[in-house]
């Protein structure tokens, strides 16, 4: 198994990535712009400034039901989000 992090904001990007790996699954962290701005702004030395969050949300095409994506509430504690995603992926792949 491999875990890769990427934005893949548009459906076309996700479709292209899926063409290289038929078993690919996406985890979509559903989060509001304010929470995203706060999190990005709190990162020290991160490549993306908080000023770009709004443009990322403007570009975003949320995954639809016909895409291989697990939608997760991304507003909680990061450790809880990770644990929930791992549990869900283990359940779906066993």
PDB file of N, CA and C in Angstrom:
ATOM      1  N   UNK A   1       0.833  -1.186   0.000  1.00  0.00           N
ATOM      2  CA  UNK A   1       0.000   0.000   0.000  1.00  0.00           C
ATOM      3  C   UNK A   1       0.873   1.243   0.000  1.00  0.00           C
ATOM      4  N   UNK A   2       0.347   2.281  -0.594  1.00  0.00           N
ATOM      5  CA  UNK A   2       1.048   3.556  -0.679  1.00  0.00           C
ATOM      6  C   UNK A   2       0.085   4.666  -0.302  1.00  0.00           C
ATOM      7  N   UNK A   3       0.573   5.640   0.449  1.00  0.00           N
ATOM      8  CA  UNK A   3      -0.205   6.837   0.757  1.00  0.00           C
ATOM      9  C   UNK A   3       0.534   8.012   0.144  1.00  0.00           C
ATOM     10  N   UNK A   4      -0.163   8.786  -0.665  1.00  0.00           N
ATOM     11  CA  UNK A   4       0.422   9.978  -1.282  1.00  0.00           C
ATOM     12  C   UNK A   4      -0.484  11.162  -0.985  1.00  0.00           C
ATOM     13  N   UNK A   5       0.101  12.279  -0.697  1.00  0.00           N
ATOM     14  CA  UNK A   5      -0.674  13.490  -0.425  1.00  0.00           C
ATOM     15  C   UNK A   5      -0.591  14.420  -1.630  1.00  0.00           C
ATOM     16  N   UNK A   6      -1.748  14.874  -2.080  1.00  0.00           N
ATOM     17  CA  UNK A   6      -1.800  15.839  -3.182  1.00  0.00           C
ATOM     18  C   UNK A   6      -3.145  16.543  -3.127  1.00  0.00           C
ATOM     19  N   UNK A   7      -3.229  17.666  -3.778  1.00  0.00           N
ATOM     20  CA  UNK A   7      -4.495  18.391  -3.720  1.00  0.00           C
ATOM     21  C   UNK A   7      -5.542  17.767  -4.643  1.00  0.00           C
ATOM     22  N   UNK A   8      -5.200  17.404  -5.860  1.00  0.00           N
ATOM     23  CA  UNK A   8      -6.147  16.809  -6.820  1.00  0.00           C
ATOM     24  C   UNK A   8      -7.510  17.490  -6.720  1.00  0.00           C
ATOM     25  N   UNK A   9      -7.506  18.807  -6.854  1.00  0.00           N
ATOM     26  CA  UNK A   9      -8.708  19.605  -6.629  1.00  0.00           C
ATOM     27  C   UNK A   9      -9.803  19.373  -7.664  1.00  0.00           C
ATOM     28  N   UNK A  10      -9.427  18.987  -8.867  1.00  0.00           N
ATOM     29  CA  UNK A  10     -10.418  18.828  -9.939  1.00  0.00           C
ATOM     30  C   UNK A  10     -10.642  17.351 -10.270  1.00  0.00           C
ATOM     31  N   UNK A  11     -11.856  17.081 -10.692  1.00  0.00           N
ATOM     32  CA  UNK A  11     -12.231  15.716 -11.069  1.00  0.00           C
ATOM     33  C   UNK A  11     -11.284  15.157 -12.138  1.00  0.00           C
ATOM     34  N   UNK A  12     -10.939  15.980 -13.110  1.00  0.00           N
ATOM     35  CA  UNK A  12     -10.044  15.541 -14.175  1.00  0.00           C
ATOM     36  C   UNK A  12      -8.685  15.107 -13.657  1.00  0.00           C
ATOM     37  N   UNK A  13      -8.168  15.803 -12.663  1.00  0.00           N
ATOM     38  CA  UNK A  13      -6.887  15.425 -12.063  1.00  0.00           C
ATOM     39  C   UNK A  13      -7.009  14.054 -11.400  1.00  0.00           C
ATOM     40  N   UNK A  14      -8.113  13.868 -10.665  1.00  0.00           N
ATOM     41  CA  UNK A  14      -8.308  12.585  -9.969  1.00  0.00           C
ATOM     42  C   UNK A  14      -8.495  11.449 -10.974  1.00  0.00           C
ATOM     43  N   UNK A  15      -9.203  11.718 -12.043  1.00  0.00           N
ATOM     44  CA  UNK A  15      -9.403  10.703 -13.080  1.00  0.00           C
ATOM     45  C   UNK A  15      -8.060  10.320 -13.706  1.00  0.00           C
ATOM     46  N   UNK A  16      -7.232  11.310 -13.964  1.00  0.00           N
ATOM     47  CA  UNK A  16      -5.924  11.030 -14.561  1.00  0.00           C
ATOM     48  C   UNK A  16      -5.066  10.187 -13.621  1.00  0.00           C
ATOM     49  N   UNK A  17      -5.033  10.542 -12.349  1.00  0.00           N
ATOM     50  CA  UNK A  17      -4.277   9.749 -11.377  1.00  0.00           C
ATOM     51  C   UNK A  17      -4.815   8.325 -11.299  1.00  0.00           C
ATOM     52  N   UNK A  18      -6.125   8.167 -11.340  1.00  0.00           N
ATOM     53  CA  UNK A  18      -6.747   6.846 -11.297  1.00  0.00           C
ATOM     54  C   UNK A  18      -6.407   5.996 -12.510  1.00  0.00           C
ATOM     55  N   UNK A  19      -6.099   6.639 -13.627  1.00  0.00           N
ATOM     56  CA  UNK A  19      -5.713   5.910 -14.829  1.00  0.00           C
ATOM     57  C   UNK A  19      -4.391   5.179 -14.667  1.00  0.00           C
ATOM     58  N   UNK A  20      -3.550   5.671 -13.770  1.00  0.00           N
ATOM     59  CA  UNK A  20      -2.257   5.035 -13.506  1.00  0.00           C
ATOM     60  C   UNK A  20      -2.360   3.940 -12.453  1.00  0.00           C
ATOM     61  N   UNK A  21      -3.412   3.997 -11.653  1.00  0.00           N
ATOM     62  CA  UNK A  21      -3.561   3.046 -10.549  1.00  0.00           C
ATOM     63  C   UNK A  21      -5.052   2.747 -10.359  1.00  0.00           C
ATOM     64  N   UNK A  22      -5.543   1.666 -10.944  1.00  0.00           N
ATOM     65  CA  UNK A  22      -6.973   1.370 -10.900  1.00  0.00           C
ATOM     66  C   UNK A  22      -7.547   1.206  -9.489  1.00  0.00           C
ATOM     67  N   UNK A  23      -6.725   0.818  -8.522  1.00  0.00           N
ATOM     68  CA  UNK A  23      -7.210   0.619  -7.151  1.00  0.00           C
ATOM     69  C   UNK A  23      -7.087   1.878  -6.297  1.00  0.00           C
ATOM     70  N   UNK A  24      -6.764   2.994  -6.913  1.00  0.00           N
ATOM     71  CA  UNK A  24      -6.562   4.243  -6.188  1.00  0.00           C
ATOM     72  C   UNK A  24      -7.840   4.695  -5.484  1.00  0.00           C
ATOM     73  N   UNK A  25      -7.676   5.126  -4.242  1.00  0.00           N
ATOM     74  CA  UNK A  25      -8.794   5.702  -3.471  1.00  0.00           C
ATOM     75  C   UNK A  25      -8.347   7.050  -2.954  1.00  0.00           C
ATOM     76  N   UNK A  26      -9.274   7.979  -2.920  1.00  0.00           N
ATOM     77  CA  UNK A  26      -8.994   9.320  -2.415  1.00  0.00           C
ATOM     78  C   UNK A  26      -9.661   9.507  -1.066  1.00  0.00           C
ATOM     79  N   UNK A  27      -9.031  10.293  -0.227  1.00  0.00           N
ATOM     80  CA  UNK A  27      -9.639  10.711   1.033  1.00  0.00           C
ATOM     81  C   UNK A  27      -9.852  12.212   0.906  1.00  0.00           C
ATOM     82  N   UNK A  28     -11.104  12.614   0.905  1.00  0.00           N
ATOM     83  CA  UNK A  28     -11.466  14.025   0.760  1.00  0.00           C
ATOM     84  C   UNK A  28     -11.762  14.599   2.134  1.00  0.00           C
ATOM     85  N   UNK A  29     -10.902  15.504   2.579  1.00  0.00           N
ATOM     86  CA  UNK A  29     -11.104  16.150   3.873  1.00  0.00           C
ATOM     87  C   UNK A  29     -12.023  17.348   3.668  1.00  0.00           C
ATOM     88  N   UNK A  30     -13.267  17.179   4.041  1.00  0.00           N
ATOM     89  CA  UNK A  30     -14.253  18.248   3.885  1.00  0.00           C
ATOM     90  C   UNK A  30     -14.048  19.253   5.019  1.00  0.00           C
ATOM     91  N   UNK A  31     -13.739  20.480   4.645  1.00  0.00           N
ATOM     92  CA  UNK A  31     -13.371  21.503   5.625  1.00  0.00           C
ATOM     93  C   UNK A  31     -13.831  22.859   5.104  1.00  0.00           C
ATOM     94  N   UNK A  32     -14.156  23.756   5.996  1.00  0.00           N
ATOM     95  CA  UNK A  32     -14.571  25.096   5.575  1.00  0.00           C
ATOM     96  C   UNK A  32     -13.329  25.970   5.380  1.00  0.00           C
ATOM     97  N   UNK A  33     -13.493  27.030   4.609  1.00  0.00           N
ATOM     98  CA  UNK A  33     -12.362  27.891   4.259  1.00  0.00           C
ATOM     99  C   UNK A  33     -11.734  28.541   5.487  1.00  0.00           C
ATOM    100  N   UNK A  34     -12.534  28.936   6.456  1.00  0.00           N
ATOM    101  CA  UNK A  34     -11.993  29.597   7.647  1.00  0.00           C
ATOM    102  C   UNK A  34     -11.073  28.658   8.430  1.00  0.00           C
ATOM    103  N   UNK A  35     -11.504  27.413   8.620  1.00  0.00           N
ATOM    104  CA  UNK A  35     -10.660  26.440   9.318  1.00  0.00           C
ATOM    105  C   UNK A  35      -9.383  26.185   8.520  1.00  0.00           C
ATOM    106  N   UNK A  36      -9.504  26.090   7.206  1.00  0.00           N
ATOM    107  CA  UNK A  36      -8.323  25.877   6.361  1.00  0.00           C
ATOM    108  C   UNK A  36      -7.356  27.050   6.480  1.00  0.00           C
ATOM    109  N   UNK A  37      -7.873  28.279   6.442  1.00  0.00           N
ATOM    110  CA  UNK A  37      -7.004  29.456   6.581  1.00  0.00           C
ATOM    111  C   UNK A  37      -6.276  29.441   7.925  1.00  0.00           C
ATOM    112  N   UNK A  38      -7.004  29.104   8.977  1.00  0.00           N
ATOM    113  CA  UNK A  38      -6.402  29.066  10.307  1.00  0.00           C
ATOM    114  C   UNK A  38      -5.289  28.013  10.375  1.00  0.00           C
ATOM    115  N   UNK A  39      -5.555  26.826   9.842  1.00  0.00           N
ATOM    116  CA  UNK A  39      -4.548  25.756   9.891  1.00  0.00           C
ATOM    117  C   UNK A  39      -3.323  26.093   9.054  1.00  0.00           C
ATOM    118  N   UNK A  40      -3.558  26.566   7.841  1.00  0.00           N
ATOM    119  CA  UNK A  40      -2.428  26.901   6.971  1.00  0.00           C
ATOM    120  C   UNK A  40      -1.629  28.057   7.570  1.00  0.00           C
ATOM    121  N   UNK A  41      -2.323  29.037   8.128  1.00  0.00           N
ATOM    122  CA  UNK A  41      -1.648  30.181   8.733  1.00  0.00           C
ATOM    123  C   UNK A  41      -0.813  29.823   9.942  1.00  0.00           C
ATOM    124  N   UNK A  42      -1.149  28.727  10.612  1.00  0.00           N
ATOM    125  CA  UNK A  42      -0.398  28.325  11.812  1.00  0.00           C
ATOM    126  C   UNK A  42       0.850  27.513  11.482  1.00  0.00           C
ATOM    127  N   UNK A  43       1.000  27.102  10.234  1.00  0.00           N
ATOM    128  CA  UNK A  43       2.173  26.314   9.835  1.00  0.00           C
ATOM    129  C   UNK A  43       3.372  27.231   9.648  1.00  0.00           C
ATOM    130  N   UNK A  44       4.450  26.879  10.242  1.00  0.00           N
ATOM    131  CA  UNK A  44       5.685  27.666  10.121  1.00  0.00           C
ATOM    132  C   UNK A  44       6.515  27.137   8.955  1.00  0.00           C
ATOM    133  N   UNK A  45       6.885  28.026   8.049  1.00  0.00           N
ATOM    134  CA  UNK A  45       7.741  27.650   6.931  1.00  0.00           C
ATOM    135  C   UNK A  45       7.059  26.818   5.864  1.00  0.00           C
ATOM    136  N   UNK A  46       5.736  26.780   5.842  1.00  0.00           N
ATOM    137  CA  UNK A  46       5.018  25.988   4.842  1.00  0.00           C
ATOM    138  C   UNK A  46       5.062  26.704   3.497  1.00  0.00           C
ATOM    139  N   UNK A  47       5.105  25.949   2.409  1.00  0.00           N
ATOM    140  CA  UNK A  47       5.233  26.528   1.076  1.00  0.00           C
ATOM    141  C   UNK A  47       4.004  27.317   0.639  1.00  0.00           C
ATOM    142  N   UNK A  48       2.834  27.006   1.190  1.00  0.00           N
ATOM    143  CA  UNK A  48       1.608  27.670   0.745  1.00  0.00           C
ATOM    144  C   UNK A  48       1.144  28.685   1.785  1.00  0.00           C
ATOM    145  N   UNK A  49       1.048  29.950   1.405  1.00  0.00           N
ATOM    146  CA  UNK A  49       0.557  30.949   2.355  1.00  0.00           C
ATOM    147  C   UNK A  49      -0.965  30.873   2.499  1.00  0.00           C
ATOM    148  N   UNK A  50      -1.465  31.307   3.624  1.00  0.00           N
ATOM    149  CA  UNK A  50      -2.909  31.302   3.884  1.00  0.00           C
ATOM    150  C   UNK A  50      -3.666  32.139   2.860  1.00  0.00           C
ATOM    151  N   UNK A  51      -2.992  33.082   2.227  1.00  0.00           N
ATOM    152  CA  UNK A  51      -3.650  33.937   1.230  1.00  0.00           C
ATOM    153  C   UNK A  51      -4.108  33.154  -0.001  1.00  0.00           C
ATOM    154  N   UNK A  52      -3.605  31.948  -0.199  1.00  0.00           N
ATOM    155  CA  UNK A  52      -4.006  31.136  -1.357  1.00  0.00           C
ATOM    156  C   UNK A  52      -5.191  30.213  -1.074  1.00  0.00           C
ATOM    157  N   UNK A  53      -5.634  30.145   0.160  1.00  0.00           N
ATOM    158  CA  UNK A  53      -6.715  29.220   0.517  1.00  0.00           C
ATOM    159  C   UNK A  53      -7.979  29.509  -0.287  1.00  0.00           C
ATOM    160  N   UNK A  54      -8.362  30.769  -0.409  1.00  0.00           N
ATOM    161  CA  UNK A  54      -9.598  31.090  -1.128  1.00  0.00           C
ATOM    162  C   UNK A  54      -9.541  30.651  -2.587  1.00  0.00           C
ATOM    163  N   UNK A  55      -8.388  30.817  -3.240  1.00  0.00           N
ATOM    164  CA  UNK A  55      -8.288  30.389  -4.638  1.00  0.00           C
ATOM    165  C   UNK A  55      -8.354  28.868  -4.749  1.00  0.00           C
ATOM    166  N   UNK A  56      -7.838  28.160  -3.747  1.00  0.00           N
ATOM    167  CA  UNK A  56      -7.926  26.699  -3.749  1.00  0.00           C
ATOM    168  C   UNK A  56      -9.386  26.252  -3.632  1.00  0.00           C
ATOM    169  N   UNK A  57     -10.142  26.917  -2.779  1.00  0.00           N
ATOM    170  CA  UNK A  57     -11.564  26.590  -2.634  1.00  0.00           C
ATOM    171  C   UNK A  57     -12.341  26.939  -3.900  1.00  0.00           C
ATOM    172  N   UNK A  58     -11.955  28.011  -4.583  1.00  0.00           N
ATOM    173  CA  UNK A  58     -12.625  28.389  -5.832  1.00  0.00           C
ATOM    174  C   UNK A  58     -12.382  27.344  -6.919  1.00  0.00           C
ATOM    175  N   UNK A  59     -11.229  26.710  -6.900  1.00  0.00           N
ATOM    176  CA  UNK A  59     -10.865  25.692  -7.886  1.00  0.00           C
ATOM    177  C   UNK A  59     -11.465  24.327  -7.559  1.00  0.00           C
ATOM    178  N   UNK A  60     -11.714  24.071  -6.298  1.00  0.00           N
ATOM    179  CA  UNK A  60     -12.148  22.756  -5.824  1.00  0.00           C
ATOM    180  C   UNK A  60     -13.416  22.247  -6.507  1.00  0.00           C
ATOM    181  N   UNK A  61     -13.333  21.011  -6.971  1.00  0.00           N
ATOM    182  CA  UNK A  61     -14.499  20.248  -7.420  1.00  0.00           C
ATOM    183  C   UNK A  61     -14.581  19.053  -6.475  1.00  0.00           C
ATOM    184  N   UNK A  62     -15.469  19.136  -5.500  1.00  0.00           N
ATOM    185  CA  UNK A  62     -15.591  18.065  -4.505  1.00  0.00           C
ATOM    186  C   UNK A  62     -15.911  16.746  -5.199  1.00  0.00           C
ATOM    187  N   UNK A  63     -15.363  15.650  -4.703  1.00  0.00           N
ATOM    188  CA  UNK A  63     -15.664  14.345  -5.294  1.00  0.00           C
ATOM    189  C   UNK A  63     -17.164  14.046  -5.250  1.00  0.00           C
ATOM    190  N   UNK A  64     -17.625  13.366  -6.272  1.00  0.00           N
ATOM    191  CA  UNK A  64     -19.026  12.966  -6.351  1.00  0.00           C
ATOM    192  C   UNK A  64     -19.152  11.479  -6.024  1.00  0.00           C
ATOM    193  N   UNK A  65     -20.377  11.018  -5.901  1.00  0.00           N
ATOM    194  CA  UNK A  65     -20.643   9.637  -5.476  1.00  0.00           C
ATOM    195  C   UNK A  65     -20.035   8.595  -6.416  1.00  0.00           C
ATOM    196  N   UNK A  66     -19.813   8.953  -7.672  1.00  0.00           N
ATOM    197  CA  UNK A  66     -19.267   7.975  -8.618  1.00  0.00           C
ATOM    198  C   UNK A  66     -17.734   7.924  -8.618  1.00  0.00           C
ATOM    199  N   UNK A  67     -17.097   8.664  -7.721  1.00  0.00           N
ATOM    200  CA  UNK A  67     -15.638   8.640  -7.618  1.00  0.00           C
ATOM    201  C   UNK A  67     -15.216   7.786  -6.427  1.00  0.00           C
ATOM    202  N   UNK A  68     -14.023   7.164  -6.518  1.00  0.00           N
ATOM    203  CA  UNK A  68     -13.539   6.334  -5.406  1.00  0.00           C
ATOM    204  C   UNK A  68     -12.956   7.201  -4.285  1.00  0.00           C
ATOM    205  N   UNK A  69     -13.845   7.902  -3.586  1.00  0.00           N
ATOM    206  CA  UNK A  69     -13.387   8.833  -2.551  1.00  0.00           C
ATOM    207  C   UNK A  69     -14.130   8.598  -1.246  1.00  0.00           C
ATOM    208  N   UNK A  70     -13.384   8.674  -0.179  1.00  0.00           N
ATOM    209  CA  UNK A  70     -13.931   8.619   1.170  1.00  0.00           C
ATOM    210  C   UNK A  70     -13.995  10.062   1.657  1.00  0.00           C
ATOM    211  N   UNK A  71     -15.192  10.561   1.948  1.00  0.00           N
ATOM    212  CA  UNK A  71     -15.348  11.926   2.440  1.00  0.00           C
ATOM    213  C   UNK A  71     -15.327  11.912   3.958  1.00  0.00           C
ATOM    214  N   UNK A  72     -14.462  12.758   4.522  1.00  0.00           N
ATOM    215  CA  UNK A  72     -14.237  12.793   5.960  1.00  0.00           C
ATOM    216  C   UNK A  72     -14.386  14.228   6.453  1.00  0.00           C
ATOM    217  N   UNK A  73     -15.002  14.404   7.614  1.00  0.00           N
ATOM    218  CA  UNK A  73     -15.074  15.722   8.243  1.00  0.00           C
ATOM    219  C   UNK A  73     -13.659  16.121   8.644  1.00  0.00           C
ATOM    220  N   UNK A  74     -13.132  17.141   8.010  1.00  0.00           N
ATOM    221  CA  UNK A  74     -11.762  17.560   8.257  1.00  0.00           C
ATOM    222  C   UNK A  74     -11.613  18.659   9.286  1.00  0.00           C
ATOM    223  N   UNK A  75     -12.684  18.956  10.034  1.00  0.00           N
ATOM    224  CA  UNK A  75     -12.618  20.074  10.983  1.00  0.00           C
ATOM    225  C   UNK A  75     -12.211  19.654  12.390  1.00  0.00           C
ATOM    226  N   UNK A  76     -12.142  18.371  12.649  1.00  0.00           N
ATOM    227  CA  UNK A  76     -11.806  17.894  13.993  1.00  0.00           C
ATOM    228  C   UNK A  76     -10.312  17.897  14.253  1.00  0.00           C
ATOM    229  N   UNK A  77      -9.941  17.268  15.356  1.00  0.00           N
ATOM    230  CA  UNK A  77      -8.515  17.134  15.695  1.00  0.00           C
ATOM    231  C   UNK A  77      -7.845  16.243  14.661  1.00  0.00           C
ATOM    232  N   UNK A  78      -6.680  16.634  14.237  1.00  0.00           N
ATOM    233  CA  UNK A  78      -5.985  15.915  13.175  1.00  0.00           C
ATOM    234  C   UNK A  78      -5.729  14.460  13.562  1.00  0.00           C
ATOM    235  N   UNK A  79      -5.355  14.206  14.805  1.00  0.00           N
ATOM    236  CA  UNK A  79      -5.102  12.824  15.235  1.00  0.00           C
ATOM    237  C   UNK A  79      -6.372  11.979  15.134  1.00  0.00           C
ATOM    238  N   UNK A  80      -7.522  12.558  15.435  1.00  0.00           N
ATOM    239  CA  UNK A  80      -8.792  11.833  15.320  1.00  0.00           C
ATOM    240  C   UNK A  80      -9.158  11.583  13.861  1.00  0.00           C
ATOM    241  N   UNK A  81      -8.876  12.554  13.012  1.00  0.00           N
ATOM    242  CA  UNK A  81      -9.156  12.394  11.580  1.00  0.00           C
ATOM    243  C   UNK A  81      -8.331  11.239  11.024  1.00  0.00           C
ATOM    244  N   UNK A  82      -7.041  11.232  11.330  1.00  0.00           N
ATOM    245  CA  UNK A  82      -6.147  10.176  10.834  1.00  0.00           C
ATOM    246  C   UNK A  82      -6.614   8.809  11.323  1.00  0.00           C
ATOM    247  N   UNK A  83      -6.943   8.700  12.600  1.00  0.00           N
ATOM    248  CA  UNK A  83      -7.401   7.415  13.149  1.00  0.00           C
ATOM    249  C   UNK A  83      -8.685   6.961  12.463  1.00  0.00           C
ATOM    250  N   UNK A  84      -9.615   7.873  12.243  1.00  0.00           N
ATOM    251  CA  UNK A  84     -10.873   7.528  11.581  1.00  0.00           C
ATOM    252  C   UNK A  84     -10.671   7.082  10.146  1.00  0.00           C
ATOM    253  N   UNK A  85      -9.795   7.768   9.428  1.00  0.00           N
ATOM    254  CA  UNK A  85      -9.506   7.399   8.042  1.00  0.00           C
ATOM    255  C   UNK A  85      -8.868   6.015   7.989  1.00  0.00           C
ATOM    256  N   UNK A  86      -7.897   5.767   8.845  1.00  0.00           N
ATOM    257  CA  UNK A  86      -7.247   4.450   8.861  1.00  0.00           C
ATOM    258  C   UNK A  86      -8.242   3.344   9.171  1.00  0.00           C
ATOM    259  N   UNK A  87      -9.112   3.563  10.138  1.00  0.00           N
ATOM    260  CA  UNK A  87     -10.140   2.565  10.464  1.00  0.00           C
ATOM    261  C   UNK A  87     -11.042   2.305   9.265  1.00  0.00           C
ATOM    262  N   UNK A  88     -11.480   3.368   8.621  1.00  0.00           N
ATOM    263  CA  UNK A  88     -12.383   3.236   7.469  1.00  0.00           C
ATOM    264  C   UNK A  88     -11.700   2.504   6.316  1.00  0.00           C
ATOM    265  N   UNK A  89     -10.463   2.844   6.036  1.00  0.00           N
ATOM    266  CA  UNK A  89      -9.751   2.183   4.944  1.00  0.00           C
ATOM    267  C   UNK A  89      -9.491   0.714   5.252  1.00  0.00           C
ATOM    268  N   UNK A  90      -9.176   0.403   6.493  1.00  0.00           N
ATOM    269  CA  UNK A  90      -8.987  -1.006   6.874  1.00  0.00           C
ATOM    270  C   UNK A  90     -10.280  -1.789   6.692  1.00  0.00           C
ATOM    271  N   UNK A  91     -11.390  -1.189   7.067  1.00  0.00           N
ATOM    272  CA  UNK A  91     -12.694  -1.845   6.934  1.00  0.00           C
ATOM    273  C   UNK A  91     -13.026  -2.099   5.467  1.00  0.00           C
ATOM    274  N   UNK A  92     -12.760  -1.115   4.611  1.00  0.00           N
ATOM    275  CA  UNK A  92     -13.107  -1.225   3.192  1.00  0.00           C
ATOM    276  C   UNK A  92     -12.197  -2.178   2.432  1.00  0.00           C
ATOM    277  N   UNK A  93     -10.980  -2.391   2.932  1.00  0.00           N
ATOM    278  CA  UNK A  93     -10.035  -3.229   2.193  1.00  0.00           C
ATOM    279  C   UNK A  93      -9.905  -4.636   2.749  1.00  0.00           C
ATOM    280  N   UNK A  94     -10.586  -4.938   3.866  1.00  0.00           N
ATOM    281  CA  UNK A  94     -10.465  -6.295   4.396  1.00  0.00           C
ATOM    282  C   UNK A  94     -11.574  -7.182   3.909  1.00  0.00           C
TER     283      UNK A  94
END
